[in-house]
mmCIF file of all heavy atoms, coordinates in Angstrom:
data_MODEL
# 
_entry.id   MODEL 
# 
loop_
_atom_site.group_PDB 
_atom_site.id 
_atom_site.type_symbol 
_atom_site.label_atom_id 
_atom_site.label_alt_id 
_atom_site.label_comp_id 
_atom_site.label_asym_id 
_atom_site.label_entity_id 
_atom_site.label_seq_id 
_atom_site.pdbx_PDB_ins_code 
_atom_site.Cartn_x 
_atom_site.Cartn_y 
_atom_site.Cartn_z 
_atom_site.occupancy 
_atom_site.B_iso_or_equiv 
_atom_site.pdbx_formal_charge 
_atom_site.auth_seq_id 
_atom_site.auth_comp_id 
_atom_site.auth_asym_id 
_atom_site.auth_atom_id 
_atom_site.pdbx_PDB_model_num 
ATOM 1   N N   . PRO A 1 1  ? 0.791  -1.201 -0.045  1.00 0.00 ? 1  PRO A N   1 
ATOM 2   C CA  . PRO A 1 1  ? -0.015 -0.045 0.012   1.00 0.00 ? 1  PRO A CA  1 
ATOM 3   C C   . PRO A 1 1  ? 0.888  1.295  -0.041  1.00 0.00 ? 1  PRO A C   1 
ATOM 4   O O   . PRO A 1 1  ? 0.473  2.228  -0.562  1.00 0.00 ? 1  PRO A O   1 
ATOM 5   C CB  . PRO A 1 1  ? -0.804 -0.122 1.341   1.00 0.00 ? 1  PRO A CB  1 
ATOM 6   C CG  . PRO A 1 1  ? -0.865 -1.580 1.681   1.00 0.00 ? 1  PRO A CG  1 
ATOM 7   C CD  . PRO A 1 1  ? 0.424  -2.196 1.132   1.00 0.00 ? 1  PRO A CD  1 
ATOM 8   N N   . VAL A 1 2  ? 2.065  1.203  0.653   1.00 0.00 ? 2  VAL A N   1 
ATOM 9   C CA  . VAL A 1 2  ? 2.922  2.413  0.686   1.00 0.00 ? 2  VAL A CA  1 
ATOM 10  C C   . VAL A 1 2  ? 3.392  2.683  -0.686  1.00 0.00 ? 2  VAL A C   1 
ATOM 11  O O   . VAL A 1 2  ? 3.384  3.804  -1.248  1.00 0.00 ? 2  VAL A O   1 
ATOM 12  C CB  . VAL A 1 2  ? 4.073  2.110  1.569   1.00 0.00 ? 2  VAL A CB  1 
ATOM 13  C CG1 . VAL A 1 2  ? 5.090  3.238  1.431   1.00 0.00 ? 2  VAL A CG1 1 
ATOM 14  C CG2 . VAL A 1 2  ? 3.521  2.252  3.130   1.00 0.00 ? 2  VAL A CG2 1 
ATOM 15  N N   . ARG A 1 3  ? 3.915  1.542  -1.305  1.00 0.00 ? 3  ARG A N   1 
ATOM 16  C CA  . ARG A 1 3  ? 4.331  1.643  -2.705  1.00 0.00 ? 3  ARG A CA  1 
ATOM 17  C C   . ARG A 1 3  ? 3.343  2.274  -3.677  1.00 0.00 ? 3  ARG A C   1 
ATOM 18  O O   . ARG A 1 3  ? 3.617  3.118  -4.533  1.00 0.00 ? 3  ARG A O   1 
ATOM 19  C CB  . ARG A 1 3  ? 4.868  0.325  -3.251  1.00 0.00 ? 3  ARG A CB  1 
ATOM 20  C CG  . ARG A 1 3  ? 5.542  0.341  -4.579  1.00 0.00 ? 3  ARG A CG  1 
ATOM 21  C CD  . ARG A 1 3  ? 5.470  -0.986 -5.293  1.00 0.00 ? 3  ARG A CD  1 
ATOM 22  N NE  . ARG A 1 3  ? 4.026  -1.282 -5.682  1.00 0.00 ? 3  ARG A NE  1 
ATOM 23  C CZ  . ARG A 1 3  ? 3.304  -0.602 -6.649  1.00 0.00 ? 3  ARG A CZ  1 
ATOM 24  N NH1 . ARG A 1 3  ? 3.882  0.305  -7.343  1.00 0.00 ? 3  ARG A NH1 1 
ATOM 25  N NH2 . ARG A 1 3  ? 2.046  -0.877 -6.808  1.00 0.00 ? 3  ARG A NH2 1 
ATOM 26  N N   . ALA A 1 4  ? 2.078  1.735  -3.617  1.00 0.00 ? 4  ALA A N   1 
ATOM 27  C CA  . ALA A 1 4  ? 1.080  2.126  -4.533  1.00 0.00 ? 4  ALA A CA  1 
ATOM 28  C C   . ALA A 1 4  ? 0.735  3.631  -4.366  1.00 0.00 ? 4  ALA A C   1 
ATOM 29  O O   . ALA A 1 4  ? 0.678  4.301  -5.431  1.00 0.00 ? 4  ALA A O   1 
ATOM 30  C CB  . ALA A 1 4  ? -0.146 1.312  -4.214  1.00 0.00 ? 4  ALA A CB  1 
ATOM 31  N N   . ARG A 1 5  ? 0.732  4.159  -3.126  1.00 0.00 ? 5  ARG A N   1 
ATOM 32  C CA  . ARG A 1 5  ? 0.452  5.507  -2.974  1.00 0.00 ? 5  ARG A CA  1 
ATOM 33  C C   . ARG A 1 5  ? 1.587  6.424  -3.370  1.00 0.00 ? 5  ARG A C   1 
ATOM 34  O O   . ARG A 1 5  ? 1.365  7.519  -3.972  1.00 0.00 ? 5  ARG A O   1 
ATOM 35  C CB  . ARG A 1 5  ? 0.011  5.819  -1.487  1.00 0.00 ? 5  ARG A CB  1 
ATOM 36  C CG  . ARG A 1 5  ? -1.437 5.186  -1.245  1.00 0.00 ? 5  ARG A CG  1 
ATOM 37  C CD  . ARG A 1 5  ? -1.675 4.865  0.201   1.00 0.00 ? 5  ARG A CD  1 
ATOM 38  N NE  . ARG A 1 5  ? -3.071 4.439  0.388   1.00 0.00 ? 5  ARG A NE  1 
ATOM 39  C CZ  . ARG A 1 5  ? -3.455 3.221  0.187   1.00 0.00 ? 5  ARG A CZ  1 
ATOM 40  N NH1 . ARG A 1 5  ? -2.651 2.288  -0.339  1.00 0.00 ? 5  ARG A NH1 1 
ATOM 41  N NH2 . ARG A 1 5  ? -4.806 2.917  0.334   1.00 0.00 ? 5  ARG A NH2 1 
ATOM 42  N N   . LEU A 1 6  ? 2.797  6.054  -2.954  1.00 0.00 ? 6  LEU A N   1 
ATOM 43  C CA  . LEU A 1 6  ? 3.963  6.873  -3.342  1.00 0.00 ? 6  LEU A CA  1 
ATOM 44  C C   . LEU A 1 6  ? 4.047  6.871  -4.969  1.00 0.00 ? 6  LEU A C   1 
ATOM 45  O O   . LEU A 1 6  ? 4.472  7.931  -5.439  1.00 0.00 ? 6  LEU A O   1 
ATOM 46  C CB  . LEU A 1 6  ? 5.239  6.285  -2.825  1.00 0.00 ? 6  LEU A CB  1 
ATOM 47  C CG  . LEU A 1 6  ? 5.421  6.431  -1.240  1.00 0.00 ? 6  LEU A CG  1 
ATOM 48  C CD1 . LEU A 1 6  ? 6.588  5.716  -0.694  1.00 0.00 ? 6  LEU A CD1 1 
ATOM 49  C CD2 . LEU A 1 6  ? 5.325  7.908  -0.794  1.00 0.00 ? 6  LEU A CD2 1 
ATOM 50  N N   . SER A 1 7  ? 3.763  5.845  -5.582  1.00 0.00 ? 7  SER A N   1 
ATOM 51  C CA  . SER A 1 7  ? 3.921  5.727  -6.998  1.00 0.00 ? 7  SER A CA  1 
ATOM 52  C C   . SER A 1 7  ? 2.775  6.603  -7.672  1.00 0.00 ? 7  SER A C   1 
ATOM 53  O O   . SER A 1 7  ? 3.040  7.351  -8.569  1.00 0.00 ? 7  SER A O   1 
ATOM 54  C CB  . SER A 1 7  ? 3.879  4.227  -7.458  1.00 0.00 ? 7  SER A CB  1 
ATOM 55  O OG  . SER A 1 7  ? 3.912  4.171  -8.957  1.00 0.00 ? 7  SER A OG  1 
ATOM 56  N N   . LEU A 1 8  ? 1.472  6.378  -7.273  1.00 0.00 ? 8  LEU A N   1 
ATOM 57  C CA  . LEU A 1 8  ? 0.398  7.017  -7.850  1.00 0.00 ? 8  LEU A CA  1 
ATOM 58  C C   . LEU A 1 8  ? 0.575  8.569  -7.592  1.00 0.00 ? 8  LEU A C   1 
ATOM 59  O O   . LEU A 1 8  ? 0.220  9.322  -8.521  1.00 0.00 ? 8  LEU A O   1 
ATOM 60  C CB  . LEU A 1 8  ? -0.874 6.589  -7.230  1.00 0.00 ? 8  LEU A CB  1 
ATOM 61  C CG  . LEU A 1 8  ? -1.411 5.212  -7.589  1.00 0.00 ? 8  LEU A CG  1 
ATOM 62  C CD1 . LEU A 1 8  ? -2.469 4.688  -6.677  1.00 0.00 ? 8  LEU A CD1 1 
ATOM 63  C CD2 . LEU A 1 8  ? -1.829 5.182  -9.064  1.00 0.00 ? 8  LEU A CD2 1 
ATOM 64  N N   . GLY A 1 9  ? 1.062  8.977  -6.429  1.00 0.00 ? 9  GLY A N   1 
ATOM 65  C CA  . GLY A 1 9  ? 1.173  10.367 -6.159  1.00 0.00 ? 9  GLY A CA  1 
ATOM 66  C C   . GLY A 1 9  ? 2.446  10.981 -6.753  1.00 0.00 ? 9  GLY A C   1 
ATOM 67  O O   . GLY A 1 9  ? 2.622  12.210 -6.597  1.00 0.00 ? 9  GLY A O   1 
ATOM 68  N N   . SER A 1 10 ? 3.344  10.226 -7.428  1.00 0.00 ? 10 SER A N   1 
ATOM 69  C CA  . SER A 1 10 ? 4.603  10.674 -7.893  1.00 0.00 ? 10 SER A CA  1 
ATOM 70  C C   . SER A 1 10 ? 5.292  11.580 -6.793  1.00 0.00 ? 10 SER A C   1 
ATOM 71  O O   . SER A 1 10 ? 5.796  12.590 -6.991  1.00 0.00 ? 10 SER A O   1 
ATOM 72  C CB  . SER A 1 10 ? 4.403  11.562 -9.118  1.00 0.00 ? 10 SER A CB  1 
ATOM 73  O OG  . SER A 1 10 ? 3.815  10.864 -10.173 1.00 0.00 ? 10 SER A OG  1 
ATOM 74  N N   . VAL A 1 11 ? 5.362  11.005 -5.542  1.00 0.00 ? 11 VAL A N   1 
ATOM 75  C CA  . VAL A 1 11 ? 5.997  11.666 -4.300  1.00 0.00 ? 11 VAL A CA  1 
ATOM 76  C C   . VAL A 1 11 ? 7.446  11.770 -4.627  1.00 0.00 ? 11 VAL A C   1 
ATOM 77  O O   . VAL A 1 11 ? 8.121  10.798 -4.897  1.00 0.00 ? 11 VAL A O   1 
ATOM 78  C CB  . VAL A 1 11 ? 5.567  10.857 -3.134  1.00 0.00 ? 11 VAL A CB  1 
ATOM 79  C CG1 . VAL A 1 11 ? 6.239  11.462 -1.985  1.00 0.00 ? 11 VAL A CG1 1 
ATOM 80  C CG2 . VAL A 1 11 ? 4.082  10.970 -2.851  1.00 0.00 ? 11 VAL A CG2 1 
ATOM 81  N N   . ARG A 1 12 ? 7.886  12.975 -4.430  1.00 0.00 ? 12 ARG A N   1 
ATOM 82  C CA  . ARG A 1 12 ? 9.304  13.290 -4.639  1.00 0.00 ? 12 ARG A CA  1 
ATOM 83  C C   . ARG A 1 12 ? 10.049 13.196 -3.264  1.00 0.00 ? 12 ARG A C   1 
ATOM 84  O O   . ARG A 1 12 ? 11.219 12.880 -3.272  1.00 0.00 ? 12 ARG A O   1 
ATOM 85  C CB  . ARG A 1 12 ? 9.492  14.676 -5.272  1.00 0.00 ? 12 ARG A CB  1 
ATOM 86  C CG  . ARG A 1 12 ? 10.814 14.885 -5.687  1.00 0.00 ? 12 ARG A CG  1 
ATOM 87  C CD  . ARG A 1 12 ? 11.134 16.196 -6.460  1.00 0.00 ? 12 ARG A CD  1 
ATOM 88  N NE  . ARG A 1 12 ? 12.550 16.550 -6.608  1.00 0.00 ? 12 ARG A NE  1 
ATOM 89  C CZ  . ARG A 1 12 ? 12.922 17.683 -7.003  1.00 0.00 ? 12 ARG A CZ  1 
ATOM 90  N NH1 . ARG A 1 12 ? 12.026 18.730 -7.105  1.00 0.00 ? 12 ARG A NH1 1 
ATOM 91  N NH2 . ARG A 1 12 ? 14.200 17.778 -7.088  1.00 0.00 ? 12 ARG A NH2 1 
ATOM 92  N N   . VAL A 1 13 ? 9.485  13.631 -2.173  1.00 0.00 ? 13 VAL A N   1 
ATOM 93  C CA  . VAL A 1 13 ? 10.106 13.678 -0.918  1.00 0.00 ? 13 VAL A CA  1 
ATOM 94  C C   . VAL A 1 13 ? 9.195  12.970 0.126   1.00 0.00 ? 13 VAL A C   1 
ATOM 95  O O   . VAL A 1 13 ? 7.999  13.075 0.210   1.00 0.00 ? 13 VAL A O   1 
ATOM 96  C CB  . VAL A 1 13 ? 10.313 15.136 -0.382  1.00 0.00 ? 13 VAL A CB  1 
ATOM 97  C CG1 . VAL A 1 13 ? 10.953 15.130 0.997   1.00 0.00 ? 13 VAL A CG1 1 
ATOM 98  C CG2 . VAL A 1 13 ? 11.159 15.941 -1.406  1.00 0.00 ? 13 VAL A CG2 1 
ATOM 99  N N   . LEU A 1 14 ? 9.765  12.000 0.927   1.00 0.00 ? 14 LEU A N   1 
ATOM 100 C CA  . LEU A 1 14 ? 9.149  11.309 1.999   1.00 0.00 ? 14 LEU A CA  1 
ATOM 101 C C   . LEU A 1 14 ? 9.774  11.568 3.260   1.00 0.00 ? 14 LEU A C   1 
ATOM 102 O O   . LEU A 1 14 ? 11.021 11.474 3.357   1.00 0.00 ? 14 LEU A O   1 
ATOM 103 C CB  . LEU A 1 14 ? 9.174  9.771  1.672   1.00 0.00 ? 14 LEU A CB  1 
ATOM 104 C CG  . LEU A 1 14 ? 8.567  8.969  2.777   1.00 0.00 ? 14 LEU A CG  1 
ATOM 105 C CD1 . LEU A 1 14 ? 7.115  9.124  3.044   1.00 0.00 ? 14 LEU A CD1 1 
ATOM 106 C CD2 . LEU A 1 14 ? 8.968  7.427  2.469   1.00 0.00 ? 14 LEU A CD2 1 
ATOM 107 N N   . VAL A 1 15 ? 9.029  11.897 4.324   1.00 0.00 ? 15 VAL A N   1 
ATOM 108 C CA  . VAL A 1 15 ? 9.550  12.014 5.718   1.00 0.00 ? 15 VAL A CA  1 
ATOM 109 C C   . VAL A 1 15 ? 9.009  10.848 6.436   1.00 0.00 ? 15 VAL A C   1 
ATOM 110 O O   . VAL A 1 15 ? 7.754  10.665 6.513   1.00 0.00 ? 15 VAL A O   1 
ATOM 111 C CB  . VAL A 1 15 ? 9.139  13.397 6.335   1.00 0.00 ? 15 VAL A CB  1 
ATOM 112 C CG1 . VAL A 1 15 ? 9.747  13.454 7.744   1.00 0.00 ? 15 VAL A CG1 1 
ATOM 113 C CG2 . VAL A 1 15 ? 9.663  14.537 5.419   1.00 0.00 ? 15 VAL A CG2 1 
ATOM 114 N N   . THR A 1 16 ? 9.918  10.059 7.156   1.00 0.00 ? 16 THR A N   1 
ATOM 115 C CA  . THR A 1 16 ? 9.369  8.862  7.769   1.00 0.00 ? 16 THR A CA  1 
ATOM 116 C C   . THR A 1 16 ? 10.434 8.677  8.977   1.00 0.00 ? 16 THR A C   1 
ATOM 117 O O   . THR A 1 16 ? 11.352 9.514  9.283   1.00 0.00 ? 16 THR A O   1 
ATOM 118 C CB  . THR A 1 16 ? 9.261  7.586  6.963   1.00 0.00 ? 16 THR A CB  1 
ATOM 119 O OG1 . THR A 1 16 ? 8.735  6.568  7.654   1.00 0.00 ? 16 THR A OG1 1 
ATOM 120 C CG2 . THR A 1 16 ? 10.610 7.301  6.398   1.00 0.00 ? 16 THR A CG2 1 
ATOM 121 N N   . THR A 1 17 ? 10.201 7.620  9.682   1.00 0.00 ? 17 THR A N   1 
ATOM 122 C CA  . THR A 1 17 ? 11.153 7.249  10.730  1.00 0.00 ? 17 THR A CA  1 
ATOM 123 C C   . THR A 1 17 ? 12.089 6.131  10.279  1.00 0.00 ? 17 THR A C   1 
ATOM 124 O O   . THR A 1 17 ? 11.825 5.401  9.256   1.00 0.00 ? 17 THR A O   1 
ATOM 125 C CB  . THR A 1 17 ? 10.421 6.767  12.060  1.00 0.00 ? 17 THR A CB  1 
ATOM 126 O OG1 . THR A 1 17 ? 9.774  5.526  11.718  1.00 0.00 ? 17 THR A OG1 1 
ATOM 127 C CG2 . THR A 1 17 ? 9.331  7.760  12.509  1.00 0.00 ? 17 THR A CG2 1 
ATOM 128 N N   . ASP A 1 18 ? 13.214 5.973  10.995  1.00 0.00 ? 18 ASP A N   1 
ATOM 129 C CA  . ASP A 1 18 ? 14.156 5.022  10.516  1.00 0.00 ? 18 ASP A CA  1 
ATOM 130 C C   . ASP A 1 18 ? 13.518 3.534  10.543  1.00 0.00 ? 18 ASP A C   1 
ATOM 131 O O   . ASP A 1 18 ? 13.831 2.728  9.698   1.00 0.00 ? 18 ASP A O   1 
ATOM 132 C CB  . ASP A 1 18 ? 15.523 5.099  11.304  1.00 0.00 ? 18 ASP A CB  1 
ATOM 133 C CG  . ASP A 1 18 ? 15.324 5.211  12.666  1.00 0.00 ? 18 ASP A CG  1 
ATOM 134 O OD1 . ASP A 1 18 ? 14.255 5.094  13.197  1.00 0.00 ? 18 ASP A OD1 1 
ATOM 135 O OD2 . ASP A 1 18 ? 16.339 5.465  13.398  1.00 0.00 ? 18 ASP A OD2 1 
ATOM 136 N N   . LEU A 1 19 ? 12.763 3.372  11.651  1.00 0.00 ? 19 LEU A N   1 
ATOM 137 C CA  . LEU A 1 19 ? 12.185 2.033  11.735  1.00 0.00 ? 19 LEU A CA  1 
ATOM 138 C C   . LEU A 1 19 ? 11.139 1.721  10.691  1.00 0.00 ? 19 LEU A C   1 
ATOM 139 O O   . LEU A 1 19 ? 11.058 0.606  10.034  1.00 0.00 ? 19 LEU A O   1 
ATOM 140 C CB  . LEU A 1 19 ? 11.601 1.843  13.168  1.00 0.00 ? 19 LEU A CB  1 
ATOM 141 C CG  . LEU A 1 19 ? 12.555 1.932  14.396  1.00 0.00 ? 19 LEU A CG  1 
ATOM 142 C CD1 . LEU A 1 19 ? 11.819 1.892  15.654  1.00 0.00 ? 19 LEU A CD1 1 
ATOM 143 C CD2 . LEU A 1 19 ? 13.558 0.935  14.289  1.00 0.00 ? 19 LEU A CD2 1 
ATOM 144 N N   . LEU A 1 20 ? 10.267 2.708  10.408  1.00 0.00 ? 20 LEU A N   1 
ATOM 145 C CA  . LEU A 1 20 ? 9.337  2.499  9.421   1.00 0.00 ? 20 LEU A CA  1 
ATOM 146 C C   . LEU A 1 20 ? 9.892  2.397  7.984   1.00 0.00 ? 20 LEU A C   1 
ATOM 147 O O   . LEU A 1 20 ? 9.426  1.667  7.098   1.00 0.00 ? 20 LEU A O   1 
ATOM 148 C CB  . LEU A 1 20 ? 8.259  3.655  9.379   1.00 0.00 ? 20 LEU A CB  1 
ATOM 149 C CG  . LEU A 1 20 ? 7.255  3.626  10.542  1.00 0.00 ? 20 LEU A CG  1 
ATOM 150 C CD1 . LEU A 1 20 ? 6.432  4.902  10.576  1.00 0.00 ? 20 LEU A CD1 1 
ATOM 151 C CD2 . LEU A 1 20 ? 6.375  2.328  10.406  1.00 0.00 ? 20 LEU A CD2 1 
ATOM 152 N N   . TYR A 1 21 ? 11.006 3.139  7.787   1.00 0.00 ? 21 TYR A N   1 
ATOM 153 C CA  . TYR A 1 21 ? 11.720 3.008  6.492   1.00 0.00 ? 21 TYR A CA  1 
ATOM 154 C C   . TYR A 1 21 ? 12.182 1.579  6.199   1.00 0.00 ? 21 TYR A C   1 
ATOM 155 O O   . TYR A 1 21 ? 12.070 1.089  5.160   1.00 0.00 ? 21 TYR A O   1 
ATOM 156 C CB  . TYR A 1 21 ? 12.881 4.100  6.413   1.00 0.00 ? 21 TYR A CB  1 
ATOM 157 C CG  . TYR A 1 21 ? 13.579 3.983  5.086   1.00 0.00 ? 21 TYR A CG  1 
ATOM 158 C CD1 . TYR A 1 21 ? 13.155 4.621  4.028   1.00 0.00 ? 21 TYR A CD1 1 
ATOM 159 C CD2 . TYR A 1 21 ? 14.790 3.230  5.027   1.00 0.00 ? 21 TYR A CD2 1 
ATOM 160 C CE1 . TYR A 1 21 ? 13.797 4.539  2.707   1.00 0.00 ? 21 TYR A CE1 1 
ATOM 161 C CE2 . TYR A 1 21 ? 15.425 3.126  3.751   1.00 0.00 ? 21 TYR A CE2 1 
ATOM 162 C CZ  . TYR A 1 21 ? 14.890 3.684  2.696   1.00 0.00 ? 21 TYR A CZ  1 
ATOM 163 O OH  . TYR A 1 21 ? 15.583 3.596  1.509   1.00 0.00 ? 21 TYR A OH  1 
ATOM 164 N N   . ARG A 1 22 ? 12.891 1.068  7.271   1.00 0.00 ? 22 ARG A N   1 
ATOM 165 C CA  . ARG A 1 22 ? 13.477 -0.347 7.073   1.00 0.00 ? 22 ARG A CA  1 
ATOM 166 C C   . ARG A 1 22 ? 12.426 -1.235 6.795   1.00 0.00 ? 22 ARG A C   1 
ATOM 167 O O   . ARG A 1 22 ? 12.546 -2.202 5.964   1.00 0.00 ? 22 ARG A O   1 
ATOM 168 C CB  . ARG A 1 22 ? 14.311 -0.661 8.338   1.00 0.00 ? 22 ARG A CB  1 
ATOM 169 C CG  . ARG A 1 22 ? 15.561 0.165  8.532   1.00 0.00 ? 22 ARG A CG  1 
ATOM 170 C CD  . ARG A 1 22 ? 16.416 -0.370 9.608   1.00 0.00 ? 22 ARG A CD  1 
ATOM 171 N NE  . ARG A 1 22 ? 17.711 0.301  9.750   1.00 0.00 ? 22 ARG A NE  1 
ATOM 172 C CZ  . ARG A 1 22 ? 18.024 1.265  10.457  1.00 0.00 ? 22 ARG A CZ  1 
ATOM 173 N NH1 . ARG A 1 22 ? 17.042 1.822  11.305  1.00 0.00 ? 22 ARG A NH1 1 
ATOM 174 N NH2 . ARG A 1 22 ? 19.169 1.863  10.575  1.00 0.00 ? 22 ARG A NH2 1 
ATOM 175 N N   . ARG A 1 23 ? 11.259 -1.192 7.545   1.00 0.00 ? 23 ARG A N   1 
ATOM 176 C CA  . ARG A 1 23 ? 10.213 -2.117 7.372   1.00 0.00 ? 23 ARG A CA  1 
ATOM 177 C C   . ARG A 1 23 ? 9.364  -2.032 6.180   1.00 0.00 ? 23 ARG A C   1 
ATOM 178 O O   . ARG A 1 23 ? 8.938  -2.924 5.515   1.00 0.00 ? 23 ARG A O   1 
ATOM 179 C CB  . ARG A 1 23 ? 9.311  -2.166 8.617   1.00 0.00 ? 23 ARG A CB  1 
ATOM 180 C CG  . ARG A 1 23 ? 9.892  -2.494 9.911   1.00 0.00 ? 23 ARG A CG  1 
ATOM 181 C CD  . ARG A 1 23 ? 8.868  -2.189 11.041  1.00 0.00 ? 23 ARG A CD  1 
ATOM 182 N NE  . ARG A 1 23 ? 9.494  -2.245 12.313  1.00 0.00 ? 23 ARG A NE  1 
ATOM 183 C CZ  . ARG A 1 23 ? 8.911  -1.777 13.481  1.00 0.00 ? 23 ARG A CZ  1 
ATOM 184 N NH1 . ARG A 1 23 ? 7.751  -1.124 13.323  1.00 0.00 ? 23 ARG A NH1 1 
ATOM 185 N NH2 . ARG A 1 23 ? 9.522  -1.954 14.611  1.00 0.00 ? 23 ARG A NH2 1 
ATOM 186 N N   . LYS A 1 24 ? 9.131  -0.729 5.764   1.00 0.00 ? 24 LYS A N   1 
ATOM 187 C CA  . LYS A 1 24 ? 8.000  -0.516 4.687   1.00 0.00 ? 24 LYS A CA  1 
ATOM 188 C C   . LYS A 1 24 ? 8.402  0.085  3.529   1.00 0.00 ? 24 LYS A C   1 
ATOM 189 O O   . LYS A 1 24 ? 7.708  0.110  2.462   1.00 0.00 ? 24 LYS A O   1 
ATOM 190 C CB  . LYS A 1 24 ? 6.879  0.184  5.464   1.00 0.00 ? 24 LYS A CB  1 
ATOM 191 C CG  . LYS A 1 24 ? 6.420  -0.506 6.644   1.00 0.00 ? 24 LYS A CG  1 
ATOM 192 C CD  . LYS A 1 24 ? 5.185  0.137  7.355   1.00 0.00 ? 24 LYS A CD  1 
ATOM 193 C CE  . LYS A 1 24 ? 4.828  -0.651 8.453   1.00 0.00 ? 24 LYS A CE  1 
ATOM 194 N NZ  . LYS A 1 24 ? 3.451  -0.340 8.944   1.00 0.00 ? 24 LYS A NZ  1 
ATOM 195 N N   . VAL A 1 25 ? 9.614  0.883  3.471   1.00 0.00 ? 25 VAL A N   1 
ATOM 196 C CA  . VAL A 1 25 ? 10.041 1.564  2.269   1.00 0.00 ? 25 VAL A CA  1 
ATOM 197 C C   . VAL A 1 25 ? 11.220 0.865  1.650   1.00 0.00 ? 25 VAL A C   1 
ATOM 198 O O   . VAL A 1 25 ? 11.279 0.720  0.419   1.00 0.00 ? 25 VAL A O   1 
ATOM 199 C CB  . VAL A 1 25 ? 10.280 3.049  2.604   1.00 0.00 ? 25 VAL A CB  1 
ATOM 200 C CG1 . VAL A 1 25 ? 10.616 3.834  1.327   1.00 0.00 ? 25 VAL A CG1 1 
ATOM 201 C CG2 . VAL A 1 25 ? 9.091  3.734  3.361   1.00 0.00 ? 25 VAL A CG2 1 
ATOM 202 N N   . ALA A 1 26 ? 12.235 0.503  2.386   1.00 0.00 ? 26 ALA A N   1 
ATOM 203 C CA  . ALA A 1 26 ? 13.363 -0.062 1.874   1.00 0.00 ? 26 ALA A CA  1 
ATOM 204 C C   . ALA A 1 26 ? 13.074 -1.226 0.968   1.00 0.00 ? 26 ALA A C   1 
ATOM 205 O O   . ALA A 1 26 ? 13.700 -1.411 -0.131  1.00 0.00 ? 26 ALA A O   1 
ATOM 206 C CB  . ALA A 1 26 ? 14.348 -0.492 2.989   1.00 0.00 ? 26 ALA A CB  1 
ATOM 207 N N   . PRO A 1 27 ? 12.124 -2.201 1.349   1.00 0.00 ? 27 PRO A N   1 
ATOM 208 C CA  . PRO A 1 27 ? 11.862 -3.311 0.412   1.00 0.00 ? 27 PRO A CA  1 
ATOM 209 C C   . PRO A 1 27 ? 11.237 -3.007 -0.889  1.00 0.00 ? 27 PRO A C   1 
ATOM 210 O O   . PRO A 1 27 ? 11.395 -3.729 -1.799  1.00 0.00 ? 27 PRO A O   1 
ATOM 211 C CB  . PRO A 1 27 ? 10.813 -4.129 1.294   1.00 0.00 ? 27 PRO A CB  1 
ATOM 212 C CG  . PRO A 1 27 ? 11.012 -3.626 2.644   1.00 0.00 ? 27 PRO A CG  1 
ATOM 213 C CD  . PRO A 1 27 ? 11.368 -2.230 2.552   1.00 0.00 ? 27 PRO A CD  1 
# 
């Protein structure tokens, strides 16, 4: 779901936490 929304929104900048990044964005 994170990938779908970042892709659909053509998001250029994301602010997150290091823990959430490792679990949900890095993959």
